[in-house]
Protein backbone atom coordinates (compact mmCIF):
# COMPACT_ATOMS: atom_id res chain seq x y z
CA MET A 1 34.95 24.63 48.50
CA THR A 2 33.02 21.40 48.86
CA ASN A 3 34.41 18.06 47.88
CA GLN A 4 32.28 17.41 44.75
CA LYS A 5 32.68 14.40 42.48
CA SER A 6 32.36 14.77 38.74
CA TYR A 7 30.93 11.95 36.67
CA ASP A 8 31.23 11.61 32.92
CA ILE A 9 28.58 9.40 31.40
CA ILE A 10 28.43 8.84 27.67
CA LEU A 11 25.23 7.30 26.30
CA PRO A 12 24.28 6.53 22.70
CA LEU A 13 21.30 8.48 21.39
CA ASN A 14 20.57 7.38 17.85
CA LYS A 15 23.66 8.43 15.84
CA TRP A 16 24.70 11.04 18.41
CA TRP A 17 26.32 10.63 21.78
CA VAL A 18 25.14 12.39 24.89
CA LYS A 19 27.75 13.28 27.44
CA SER A 20 26.45 14.30 30.81
CA ARG A 21 28.53 15.61 33.65
CA LYS A 22 27.49 16.38 37.17
CA VAL A 23 29.34 19.45 38.32
CA ARG A 24 28.34 21.13 41.58
CA ASP A 25 24.95 19.40 41.56
CA VAL A 26 24.16 20.69 38.07
CA LEU A 27 23.76 18.23 35.27
CA LYS A 28 25.39 19.47 32.09
CA ILE A 29 24.55 17.68 28.85
CA THR A 30 26.62 18.04 25.72
CA LEU A 31 25.91 16.47 22.35
CA LEU A 32 28.94 14.82 20.82
CA PHE A 33 28.86 14.11 17.11
CA PRO A 34 30.68 11.11 15.62
CA THR A 35 32.13 12.92 12.58
CA ARG A 36 30.24 16.12 11.99
CA PRO A 37 27.06 17.71 13.29
CA PRO A 38 23.83 16.77 11.54
CA SER A 39 22.42 19.10 8.94
CA LEU A 40 20.38 22.13 9.92
CA VAL A 41 17.22 20.47 8.59
CA THR A 42 17.81 17.33 10.69
CA ARG A 43 18.46 19.47 13.78
CA GLN A 44 15.25 21.43 13.11
CA LEU A 45 13.23 18.24 12.73
CA LEU A 46 14.61 16.90 15.99
CA LYS A 47 14.19 20.21 17.77
CA GLU A 48 10.57 20.54 16.71
CA GLU A 49 10.09 16.83 17.51
CA LYS A 50 8.43 16.24 14.17
CA MET A 51 10.59 13.24 13.44
CA LYS A 52 12.26 11.21 16.15
CA SER A 53 13.04 8.30 13.84
CA HIS A 54 12.08 6.82 10.50
CA LYS A 55 9.23 5.02 12.28
CA ASP A 56 7.44 8.38 12.58
CA LEU A 57 7.29 8.86 8.81
CA ASN A 58 3.98 7.94 7.16
CA VAL A 59 5.79 6.89 4.00
CA TRP A 60 7.81 4.36 6.02
CA LYS A 61 4.67 3.02 7.73
CA ASN A 62 2.85 2.68 4.40
CA SER A 63 5.81 1.03 2.69
CA MET A 64 6.07 -1.47 5.56
CA ALA A 65 2.38 -2.32 5.12
CA LEU A 66 2.97 -2.67 1.37
CA ALA A 67 5.90 -5.07 1.94
CA GLU A 68 3.77 -7.18 4.28
CA GLU A 69 0.99 -7.35 1.69
CA ILE A 70 3.50 -8.29 -1.02
CA TYR A 71 4.65 -11.22 1.10
CA ARG A 72 1.04 -12.39 1.45
CA LEU A 73 0.37 -12.05 -2.29
CA THR A 74 3.53 -13.84 -3.39
CA ALA A 75 2.85 -16.78 -1.05
CA ASN A 76 0.46 -18.05 -3.73
CA PHE A 77 2.98 -17.82 -6.58
CA PRO A 78 4.18 -21.08 -8.17
CA LYS A 79 6.87 -22.85 -6.15
CA GLU A 80 9.25 -22.91 -9.14
CA GLU A 81 9.31 -19.09 -8.93
CA ILE A 82 10.48 -18.99 -5.29
CA TYR A 83 14.06 -18.19 -6.36
CA GLY A 84 13.03 -16.14 -9.35
CA LEU A 85 10.25 -13.61 -9.59
CA THR A 86 8.90 -14.21 -6.07
CA SER A 87 12.27 -13.48 -4.50
CA GLN A 88 12.84 -10.43 -6.71
CA ILE A 89 9.42 -8.95 -5.88
CA ARG A 90 9.92 -9.47 -2.16
CA ARG A 91 13.38 -7.91 -2.22
CA SER A 92 12.11 -4.86 -4.12
CA ALA A 93 9.26 -4.42 -1.64
CA VAL A 94 11.55 -4.71 1.39
CA SER A 95 14.05 -2.33 -0.19
CA ILE A 96 11.61 0.59 -0.07
CA PRO A 97 11.19 0.93 3.74
CA SER A 98 14.77 -0.22 4.28
CA ASN A 99 16.19 2.65 2.23
CA ILE A 100 13.89 5.14 3.95
CA ALA A 101 15.14 3.92 7.32
CA GLU A 102 18.81 3.93 6.33
CA GLY A 103 18.57 7.38 4.75
CA SER A 104 16.90 8.91 7.80
CA ALA A 105 19.76 7.66 9.97
CA ARG A 106 22.36 9.51 7.90
CA ASN A 107 24.00 12.72 9.06
CA SER A 108 22.97 14.92 6.17
CA THR A 109 19.72 15.76 4.46
CA LYS A 110 21.37 15.31 1.05
CA GLU A 111 22.23 11.72 1.92
CA PHE A 112 18.67 11.16 3.13
CA ILE A 113 17.36 12.46 -0.20
CA GLN A 114 19.70 10.10 -2.07
CA PHE A 115 18.32 7.10 -0.16
CA LEU A 116 14.77 8.29 -0.88
CA TYR A 117 15.64 8.24 -4.58
CA ILE A 118 16.89 4.66 -4.20
CA ALA A 119 13.58 3.76 -2.52
CA LEU A 120 11.77 5.41 -5.45
CA GLY A 121 13.79 3.24 -7.86
CA SER A 122 12.81 0.15 -5.89
CA ALA A 123 9.17 1.20 -6.18
CA ALA A 124 9.53 1.39 -9.99
CA GLU A 125 11.15 -2.06 -9.99
CA LEU A 126 8.33 -3.46 -7.90
CA GLU A 127 5.69 -2.02 -10.23
CA THR A 128 7.38 -3.63 -13.24
CA GLN A 129 7.60 -7.00 -11.50
CA LEU A 130 3.96 -6.88 -10.41
CA ILE A 131 2.81 -6.10 -13.97
CA LEU A 132 4.95 -8.98 -15.25
CA SER A 133 3.41 -11.27 -12.62
CA ASN A 134 -0.03 -10.25 -13.84
CA ASN A 135 0.93 -10.88 -17.48
CA LEU A 136 2.20 -14.36 -16.55
CA GLY A 137 -1.01 -15.15 -14.67
CA PHE A 138 0.58 -15.34 -11.20
CA LEU A 139 -1.26 -12.25 -9.97
CA THR A 140 -4.84 -11.54 -10.98
CA ASP A 141 -5.67 -8.53 -8.80
CA LEU A 142 -3.52 -5.45 -9.42
CA SER A 143 -5.16 -3.31 -6.70
CA ILE A 144 -1.83 -3.45 -4.86
CA LEU A 145 -0.59 -0.95 -7.47
CA GLU A 146 -2.80 1.68 -5.83
CA ASP A 147 -0.94 1.21 -2.54
CA LEU A 148 2.35 1.34 -4.40
CA GLY A 149 1.25 4.56 -6.13
CA ARG A 150 0.45 6.12 -2.76
CA VAL A 151 3.91 5.22 -1.41
CA ARG A 152 5.52 6.58 -4.57
CA SER A 153 3.63 9.88 -4.21
CA GLN A 154 4.67 10.17 -0.57
CA LEU A 155 8.31 9.56 -1.50
CA ILE A 156 8.18 12.23 -4.19
CA ASN A 157 6.54 14.73 -1.82
CA LEU A 158 9.08 14.03 0.92
CA ILE A 159 11.95 14.50 -1.54
CA LYS A 160 10.47 17.81 -2.73
CA SER A 161 9.97 18.97 0.84
CA LEU A 162 13.52 18.10 1.88
CA LYS A 163 15.00 19.63 -1.26
CA GLY A 164 13.15 22.86 -0.52
CA LYS A 165 14.55 22.94 2.99
CA VAL A 166 18.10 22.15 1.83
CA THR A 167 18.09 25.00 -0.70
CA SER A 168 16.59 27.46 1.78
CA ASP A 169 19.22 26.58 4.42
CA GLU A 170 22.22 26.99 2.14
């Protein structure tokens, strides 16, 4: 029997922990879960490498672009609205990609879906605030609503897709 050393190394990998151990020149890797293993759908997505993080989702990318455009548009709003409508519009716009990101980091698909619904609510808020801005004369071009509609459609389609996978896995 040779005198082998065993090393335990624990590294963070997103919300999981990877434990690797060198035993007899073989590296063994074990996934350690913080509270419970991720849902079957999340494991499938990771296994198939379709989604490594929220940054891989088109709906997140498009909602980030929308938030950036909202910041550019609201820069021209009256200064007396900086703590009113301008702030509210910006927070609604930022809330959409933020909730997508937070939901994708959760351990279950059901939680992810819940955060997607919150993002959808923020999209409805944003639409209302943009229409109000137009009615008040702060915003003359409502073409941004087309981008918002695209993000909303992507959210709805992602929710439907995830719901279908959750029901088929139960």
